[in-house]
Structure formats: C-alpha cells, structure tokens
C-alpha atoms as a PDB file:
ATOM      1  CA  VAL A   1      -2.645  20.930  14.073  1.00  0.00           C
ATOM      2  CA  GLN A   2      -6.216  18.671  13.927  1.00  0.00           C
ATOM      3  CA  GLU A   3      -7.372  20.641  10.568  1.00  0.00           C
ATOM      4  CA  GLN A   4      -3.646  19.817   8.870  1.00  0.00           C
ATOM      5  CA  ILE A   5      -4.343  15.967   9.824  1.00  0.00           C
ATOM      6  CA  ILE A   6      -7.972  15.864   8.497  1.00  0.00           C
ATOM      7  CA  LYS A   7      -6.319  17.663   5.037  1.00  0.00           C
ATOM      8  CA  MET A   8      -3.394  15.190   4.872  1.00  0.00           C
ATOM      9  CA  GLN A   9      -5.777  11.822   5.802  1.00  0.00           C
ATOM     10  CA  GLU A  10      -7.670  13.053   2.439  1.00  0.00           C
ATOM     11  CA  GLU A  11      -4.593  13.774   0.054  1.00  0.00           C
ATOM     12  CA  LEU A  12      -3.312  10.145   1.277  1.00  0.00           C
ATOM     13  CA  LYS A  13      -6.725   8.441   0.063  1.00  0.00           C
ATOM     14  CA  GLU A  14      -5.672  10.162  -3.268  1.00  0.00           C
ATOM     15  CA  ARG A  15      -2.383   9.162  -3.346  1.00  0.00           C
ATOM     16  CA  GLU A  16      -1.081   5.990  -4.479  1.00  0.00           C
ATOM     17  CA  ILE A  17       1.948   3.423  -4.245  1.00  0.00           C
ATOM     18  CA  GLU A  18       2.417   0.684  -6.682  1.00  0.00           C
ATOM     19  CA  THR A  19       4.557  -2.071  -5.549  1.00  0.00           C
ATOM     20  CA  SER A  20       5.356  -5.837  -7.006  1.00  0.00           C
ATOM     21  CA  ALA A  21       6.139  -9.150  -6.507  1.00  0.00           C
ATOM     22  CA  GLY A  22       7.898 -11.933  -8.534  1.00  0.00           C
ATOM     23  CA  GLY A  23       9.624  -9.802 -10.961  1.00  0.00           C
ATOM     24  CA  GLY A  24       6.563  -7.765 -11.663  1.00  0.00           C
ATOM     25  CA  ALA A  25       4.461 -10.649 -12.304  1.00  0.00           C
ATOM     26  CA  ILE A  26       1.976  -8.975 -10.041  1.00  0.00           C
ATOM     27  CA  THR A  27       1.572  -5.610  -9.233  1.00  0.00           C
ATOM     28  CA  VAL A  28      -0.730  -3.994  -6.827  1.00  0.00           C
ATOM     29  CA  ARG A  29      -1.598  -0.286  -6.214  1.00  0.00           C
ATOM     30  CA  VAL A  30      -2.658   0.891  -2.569  1.00  0.00           C
ATOM     31  CA  ASN A  31      -3.882   4.593  -1.345  1.00  0.00           C
ATOM     32  CA  GLY A  32      -2.736   6.256   1.593  1.00  0.00           C
ATOM     33  CA  LYS A  33      -5.820   4.509   3.504  1.00  0.00           C
ATOM     34  CA  GLN A  34      -4.166   1.274   3.111  1.00  0.00           C
ATOM     35  CA  GLU A  35      -7.086   0.450   0.560  1.00  0.00           C
ATOM     36  CA  LEU A  36      -6.531  -2.110  -2.354  1.00  0.00           C
ATOM     37  CA  LEU A  37      -7.119  -0.517  -5.669  1.00  0.00           C
ATOM     38  CA  ALA A  38      -5.922  -2.545  -8.291  1.00  0.00           C
ATOM     39  CA  ILE A  39      -4.828  -6.349  -8.279  1.00  0.00           C
ATOM     40  CA  LYS A  40      -2.800  -6.772 -12.017  1.00  0.00           C
ATOM     41  CA  ILE A  41      -1.460 -10.616 -12.631  1.00  0.00           C
ATOM     42  CA  SER A  42       0.992 -11.336 -15.628  1.00  0.00           C
ATOM     43  CA  PRO A  43      -1.132 -14.728 -17.781  1.00  0.00           C
ATOM     44  CA  GLU A  44       2.843 -16.273 -17.894  1.00  0.00           C
ATOM     45  CA  VAL A  45       2.999 -16.447 -13.819  1.00  0.00           C
ATOM     46  CA  VAL A  46      -0.957 -18.494 -13.949  1.00  0.00           C
ATOM     47  CA  ASP A  47      -0.301 -21.879 -13.571  1.00  0.00           C
ATOM     48  CA  PRO A  48      -2.828 -24.134 -12.707  1.00  0.00           C
ATOM     49  CA  ASP A  49      -0.758 -26.798 -11.471  1.00  0.00           C
ATOM     50  CA  ASP A  50       0.669 -24.384  -9.260  1.00  0.00           C
ATOM     51  CA  ILE A  51      -1.837 -21.939  -7.953  1.00  0.00           C
ATOM     52  CA  GLU A  52      -0.135 -21.604  -4.136  1.00  0.00           C
ATOM     53  CA  MET A  53       3.088 -19.768  -6.070  1.00  0.00           C
ATOM     54  CA  LEU A  54       0.721 -17.290  -7.215  1.00  0.00           C
ATOM     55  CA  GLU A  55      -1.679 -16.810  -3.761  1.00  0.00           C
ATOM     56  CA  ASP A  56       2.257 -16.142  -2.237  1.00  0.00           C
ATOM     57  CA  LEU A  57       3.096 -13.977  -4.824  1.00  0.00           C
ATOM     58  CA  VAL A  58      -0.294 -11.803  -4.511  1.00  0.00           C
ATOM     59  CA  ILE A  59      -0.092 -12.300  -0.996  1.00  0.00           C
ATOM     60  CA  ALA A  60       3.943 -10.771  -0.698  1.00  0.00           C
ATOM     61  CA  ALA A  61       3.124  -7.526  -3.209  1.00  0.00           C
ATOM     62  CA  VAL A  62      -0.263  -6.830  -1.420  1.00  0.00           C
ATOM     63  CA  ASN A  63       1.627  -6.815   1.761  1.00  0.00           C
ATOM     64  CA  GLU A  64       4.436  -4.676   0.442  1.00  0.00           C
ATOM     65  CA  GLY A  65       1.977  -2.102  -1.143  1.00  0.00           C
ATOM     66  CA  ILE A  66       0.406  -1.791   2.564  1.00  0.00           C
ATOM     67  CA  ARG A  67       3.225  -1.463   3.905  1.00  0.00           C
ATOM     68  CA  GLN A  68       4.480   1.223   2.066  1.00  0.00           C
ATOM     69  CA  SER A  69       1.295   2.995   1.855  1.00  0.00           C
ATOM     70  CA  GLN A  70       1.613   3.294   6.102  1.00  0.00           C
ATOM     71  CA  GLU A  71       5.339   4.412   5.988  1.00  0.00           C
ATOM     72  CA  MET A  72       4.163   7.371   3.935  1.00  0.00           C
ATOM     73  CA  VAL A  73       1.177   7.681   6.274  1.00  0.00           C
ATOM     74  CA  SER A  74       3.961   7.894   8.864  1.00  0.00           C
ATOM     75  CA  THR A  75       6.108   9.808   7.184  1.00  0.00           C
ATOM     76  CA  GLU A  76       3.223  12.547   5.981  1.00  0.00           C
ATOM     77  CA  MET A  77       1.805  12.413   9.920  1.00  0.00           C
ATOM     78  CA  ALA A  78       5.491  13.370  11.321  1.00  0.00           C
ATOM     79  CA  LYS A  79       5.832  16.530   8.935  1.00  0.00           C
ATOM     80  CA  ILE A  80       2.642  17.718  11.229  1.00  0.00           C
ATOM     81  CA  THR A  81       2.653  16.567  14.352  1.00  0.00           C
ATOM     82  CA  GLY A  82       6.980  17.189  14.865  1.00  0.00           C
ATOM     83  CA  GLY A  83       7.324  13.414  15.131  1.00  0.00           C
ATOM     84  CA  PHE A  84       5.056  13.288  18.139  1.00  0.00           C
ATOM     85  CA  ASN A  85       2.850  10.063  18.204  1.00  0.00           C
ATOM     86  CA  ILE A  86      -0.779  11.239  18.872  1.00  0.00           C
ATOM     87  CA  PRO A  87      -2.647   8.095  19.516  1.00  0.00           C
ATOM     88  CA  GLY A  88      -5.666   7.589  17.797  1.00  0.00           C
ATOM     89  CA  LEU A  89      -4.084   8.987  14.998  1.00  0.00           C
END
C-alpha cells in the first residue's frame, strides 16, 4: 500500500486542476500537491480604482483550485486505502 501511495503522490504532482473566478476573468492552475502553477488575469478585470475586487477574485480562484485539488487527492487516496483515513497522508 505504501508503494501505491508514493506512486500516486508522484502522479498527482503531474495532474492539474484549472479553475476560474469572475466569469473567467481570473484563471488559475493548481497541481495535485496544491502548488499554484499559473494565474491568468484578463486585462478587462484590471481596474486601478478597484484593486480590492481583483485581489478578491484571485483569492477566490486560488482557493477553489486548492479545494478541487484536495478533493482529487482524497478521491485517489480512497481508491488505495479503501476509504480508511491514514494519519499523515
């Protein structure tokens, strides 16, 4: 089982989740290790008078990407462990 988990962790590092916020104004890519790989910001959403909105959209997109990445990891881990929660994994 430990070998399967190590292999799965390596595979998840290569898998990517892409999410967006603000109707696609902000798009982010996150891998299965919850590492942020890319942020794309549509020029139309950049308003120097409303930086706070841009910051909020970036946070929302990143948080959603991380959430989906964690969900992907949990699903893959459950396949290996049969649904048992193994501490430290």
